[in-house]
Amino acid sequence: MKTRYEDVEPYVTKDGSEIRELMHPAVHGVGRNLSLAEARIPPGGETKLHRHPKSEEIYHVLEGKGLMRLGNEEFEIVPGDTILIPPGTPHNVRNTGAGVLRLLCACAPPYSHEDTELLD
């Protein structure tokens, strides 16, 4: 299975980020244990504080810079950083740069609105 970035329509998740599901079982009919998406957060934008009770996530920063809140920690994120988000851990990201903050998000089990609890 192969997807092309230009062919994937973005949508907004419960946390407020714009997502392109690059590979997701419910969308592409392949796999069942993992999804891969790109998140885009505009300058000055911020996702809502949330957690995923079941899903483990990995964020990889492609472009821009931001401030990551992960549990009780806050730290800067820049291109090349990779962050593990264990299931049930509250988290959000704020874009602190002048350009779009782009992240790759791997999620297992795959992302779902039902597994997203808003905390703000």
C-alpha atoms as a PDB file:
ATOM      1  CA  MET A   1       0.000   0.000   0.000  1.00  0.00           C
ATOM      2  CA  LYS A   2       1.237   3.472  -0.861  1.00  0.00           C
ATOM      3  CA  THR A   3      -0.246   6.925  -0.322  1.00  0.00           C
ATOM      4  CA  ARG A   4       0.751  10.282  -1.770  1.00  0.00           C
ATOM      5  CA  TYR A   5       0.798  13.400   0.417  1.00  0.00           C
ATOM      6  CA  GLU A   6      -1.070  15.554  -2.114  1.00  0.00           C
ATOM      7  CA  ASP A   7      -3.929  13.041  -2.247  1.00  0.00           C
ATOM      8  CA  VAL A   8      -4.579  13.003   1.510  1.00  0.00           C
ATOM      9  CA  GLU A   9      -7.235  15.493   2.667  1.00  0.00           C
ATOM     10  CA  PRO A  10      -6.482  17.168   6.008  1.00  0.00           C
ATOM     11  CA  TYR A  11      -8.986  17.365   8.859  1.00  0.00           C
ATOM     12  CA  VAL A  12      -9.028  18.800  12.390  1.00  0.00           C
ATOM     13  CA  THR A  13      -8.735  16.414  15.350  1.00  0.00           C
ATOM     14  CA  LYS A  14     -10.382  16.796  18.760  1.00  0.00           C
ATOM     15  CA  ASP A  15      -7.242  18.517  20.091  1.00  0.00           C
ATOM     16  CA  GLY A  16      -7.471  21.181  17.383  1.00  0.00           C
ATOM     17  CA  SER A  17      -4.527  20.244  15.171  1.00  0.00           C
ATOM     18  CA  GLU A  18      -4.756  19.860  11.401  1.00  0.00           C
ATOM     19  CA  ILE A  19      -3.936  16.262  10.517  1.00  0.00           C
ATOM     20  CA  ARG A  20      -3.255  14.341   7.338  1.00  0.00           C
ATOM     21  CA  GLU A  21      -3.611  10.600   7.892  1.00  0.00           C
ATOM     22  CA  LEU A  22      -0.725   9.379   5.773  1.00  0.00           C
ATOM     23  CA  MET A  23      -1.561   5.766   6.615  1.00  0.00           C
ATOM     24  CA  HIS A  24      -4.515   4.700   8.779  1.00  0.00           C
ATOM     25  CA  PRO A  25      -6.376   1.369   8.792  1.00  0.00           C
ATOM     26  CA  ALA A  26      -9.843   2.962   8.823  1.00  0.00           C
ATOM     27  CA  VAL A  27      -8.987   5.221   5.885  1.00  0.00           C
ATOM     28  CA  HIS A  28      -6.738   3.055   3.740  1.00  0.00           C
ATOM     29  CA  GLY A  29      -7.962  -0.448   4.630  1.00  0.00           C
ATOM     30  CA  VAL A  30      -4.490  -1.745   5.497  1.00  0.00           C
ATOM     31  CA  GLY A  31      -2.924  -2.841   8.746  1.00  0.00           C
ATOM     32  CA  ARG A  32      -4.730  -2.488  12.035  1.00  0.00           C
ATOM     33  CA  ASN A  33      -2.218  -1.679  14.767  1.00  0.00           C
ATOM     34  CA  LEU A  34      -0.619   1.608  13.719  1.00  0.00           C
ATOM     35  CA  SER A  35      -1.348   4.955  12.104  1.00  0.00           C
ATOM     36  CA  LEU A  36       1.006   7.611  10.742  1.00  0.00           C
ATOM     37  CA  ALA A  37      -0.070  11.218  10.336  1.00  0.00           C
ATOM     38  CA  GLU A  38       1.354  14.671   9.809  1.00  0.00           C
ATOM     39  CA  ALA A  39       0.191  17.408  12.195  1.00  0.00           C
ATOM     40  CA  ARG A  40       0.448  21.097  11.287  1.00  0.00           C
ATOM     41  CA  ILE A  41       0.152  23.811  13.923  1.00  0.00           C
ATOM     42  CA  PRO A  42       0.152  27.432  12.694  1.00  0.00           C
ATOM     43  CA  PRO A  43       2.343  30.141  14.241  1.00  0.00           C
ATOM     44  CA  GLY A  44       0.938  31.025  17.670  1.00  0.00           C
ATOM     45  CA  GLY A  45      -1.315  27.941  17.579  1.00  0.00           C
ATOM     46  CA  GLU A  46      -1.631  25.343  20.288  1.00  0.00           C
ATOM     47  CA  THR A  47      -3.304  21.952  20.588  1.00  0.00           C
ATOM     48  CA  LYS A  48      -5.708  21.391  23.476  1.00  0.00           C
ATOM     49  CA  LEU A  49      -4.355  19.484  26.466  1.00  0.00           C
ATOM     50  CA  HIS A  50      -5.467  15.886  25.951  1.00  0.00           C
ATOM     51  CA  ARG A  51      -4.587  12.239  26.494  1.00  0.00           C
ATOM     52  CA  HIS A  52      -5.173   8.910  24.815  1.00  0.00           C
ATOM     53  CA  PRO A  53      -6.041   6.190  27.360  1.00  0.00           C
ATOM     54  CA  LYS A  54      -5.154   3.328  24.983  1.00  0.00           C
ATOM     55  CA  SER A  55      -2.760   4.709  22.380  1.00  0.00           C
ATOM     56  CA  GLU A  56       0.970   5.204  22.596  1.00  0.00           C
ATOM     57  CA  GLU A  57       2.289   7.971  20.342  1.00  0.00           C
ATOM     58  CA  ILE A  58       5.604   9.055  18.916  1.00  0.00           C
ATOM     59  CA  TYR A  59       6.005  12.619  17.647  1.00  0.00           C
ATOM     60  CA  HIS A  60       8.880  13.507  15.319  1.00  0.00           C
ATOM     61  CA  VAL A  61       9.476  17.201  14.600  1.00  0.00           C
ATOM     62  CA  LEU A  62       9.965  17.928  10.885  1.00  0.00           C
ATOM     63  CA  GLU A  63       9.832  21.723  10.783  1.00  0.00           C
ATOM     64  CA  GLY A  64       9.397  24.718  13.095  1.00  0.00           C
ATOM     65  CA  LYS A  65       9.776  24.950  16.840  1.00  0.00           C
ATOM     66  CA  GLY A  66       7.468  24.637  19.774  1.00  0.00           C
ATOM     67  CA  LEU A  67       6.881  23.970  23.431  1.00  0.00           C
ATOM     68  CA  MET A  68       5.771  20.455  24.395  1.00  0.00           C
ATOM     69  CA  ARG A  69       3.851  19.727  27.575  1.00  0.00           C
ATOM     70  CA  LEU A  70       4.163  16.047  28.528  1.00  0.00           C
ATOM     71  CA  GLY A  71       2.723  15.113  31.902  1.00  0.00           C
ATOM     72  CA  ASN A  72       4.322  17.532  34.392  1.00  0.00           C
ATOM     73  CA  GLU A  73       7.207  18.491  32.072  1.00  0.00           C
ATOM     74  CA  GLU A  74       7.527  21.293  29.516  1.00  0.00           C
ATOM     75  CA  PHE A  75      10.372  21.448  27.019  1.00  0.00           C
ATOM     76  CA  GLU A  76      11.304  22.998  23.696  1.00  0.00           C
ATOM     77  CA  ILE A  77      11.029  20.911  20.544  1.00  0.00           C
ATOM     78  CA  VAL A  78      12.904  21.540  17.289  1.00  0.00           C
ATOM     79  CA  PRO A  79      13.436  19.649  14.006  1.00  0.00           C
ATOM     80  CA  GLY A  80      14.988  16.241  14.575  1.00  0.00           C
ATOM     81  CA  ASP A  81      13.483  15.761  18.058  1.00  0.00           C
ATOM     82  CA  THR A  82      11.455  12.598  18.690  1.00  0.00           C
ATOM     83  CA  ILE A  83       9.133  12.335  21.688  1.00  0.00           C
ATOM     84  CA  LEU A  84       7.480   9.232  23.178  1.00  0.00           C
ATOM     85  CA  ILE A  85       4.001   9.818  24.649  1.00  0.00           C
ATOM     86  CA  PRO A  86       2.914   6.840  26.796  1.00  0.00           C
ATOM     87  CA  PRO A  87      -0.786   5.926  26.945  1.00  0.00           C
ATOM     88  CA  GLY A  88      -2.760   8.087  29.386  1.00  0.00           C
ATOM     89  CA  THR A  89      -0.155  10.877  29.529  1.00  0.00           C
ATOM     90  CA  PRO A  90      -1.572  14.411  29.246  1.00  0.00           C
ATOM     91  CA  HIS A  91       0.120  16.360  26.446  1.00  0.00           C
ATOM     92  CA  ASN A  92      -0.123  19.291  24.092  1.00  0.00           C
ATOM     93  CA  VAL A  93       2.088  21.336  21.766  1.00  0.00           C
ATOM     94  CA  ARG A  94       2.330  25.099  21.237  1.00  0.00           C
ATOM     95  CA  ASN A  95       3.986  26.588  18.174  1.00  0.00           C
ATOM     96  CA  THR A  96       6.526  29.175  19.392  1.00  0.00           C
ATOM     97  CA  GLY A  97       8.091  29.825  15.995  1.00  0.00           C
ATOM     98  CA  ALA A  98       7.404  32.149  13.086  1.00  0.00           C
ATOM     99  CA  GLY A  99       6.449  29.346  10.671  1.00  0.00           C
ATOM    100  CA  VAL A 100       4.237  26.256  10.684  1.00  0.00           C
ATOM    101  CA  LEU A 101       5.197  23.535  13.189  1.00  0.00           C
ATOM    102  CA  ARG A 102       5.097  20.169  11.380  1.00  0.00           C
ATOM    103  CA  LEU A 103       5.164  16.859  13.252  1.00  0.00           C
ATOM    104  CA  LEU A 104       4.940  13.232  12.211  1.00  0.00           C
ATOM    105  CA  CYS A 105       2.696  11.325  14.616  1.00  0.00           C
ATOM    106  CA  ALA A 106       2.830   7.536  14.883  1.00  0.00           C
ATOM    107  CA  CYS A 107       0.042   6.064  16.999  1.00  0.00           C
ATOM    108  CA  ALA A 108      -0.558   2.472  18.176  1.00  0.00           C
ATOM    109  CA  PRO A 109      -3.320   1.486  18.286  1.00  0.00           C
ATOM    110  CA  PRO A 110      -4.314   3.885  15.507  1.00  0.00           C
ATOM    111  CA  TYR A 111      -5.618   7.375  16.296  1.00  0.00           C
ATOM    112  CA  SER A 112      -9.340   7.642  17.032  1.00  0.00           C
ATOM    113  CA  HIS A 113     -11.547  10.462  18.317  1.00  0.00           C
ATOM    114  CA  GLU A 114     -13.011   7.969  20.829  1.00  0.00           C
ATOM    115  CA  ASP A 115      -9.554   7.443  22.392  1.00  0.00           C
ATOM    116  CA  THR A 116      -8.975  11.207  22.796  1.00  0.00           C
ATOM    117  CA  GLU A 117      -9.946  12.829  26.099  1.00  0.00           C
ATOM    118  CA  LEU A 118      -9.788  16.638  26.228  1.00  0.00           C
ATOM    119  CA  LEU A 119      -8.463  17.937  29.564  1.00  0.00           C
ATOM    120  CA  ASP A 120      -8.799  21.732  29.178  1.00  0.00           C
END
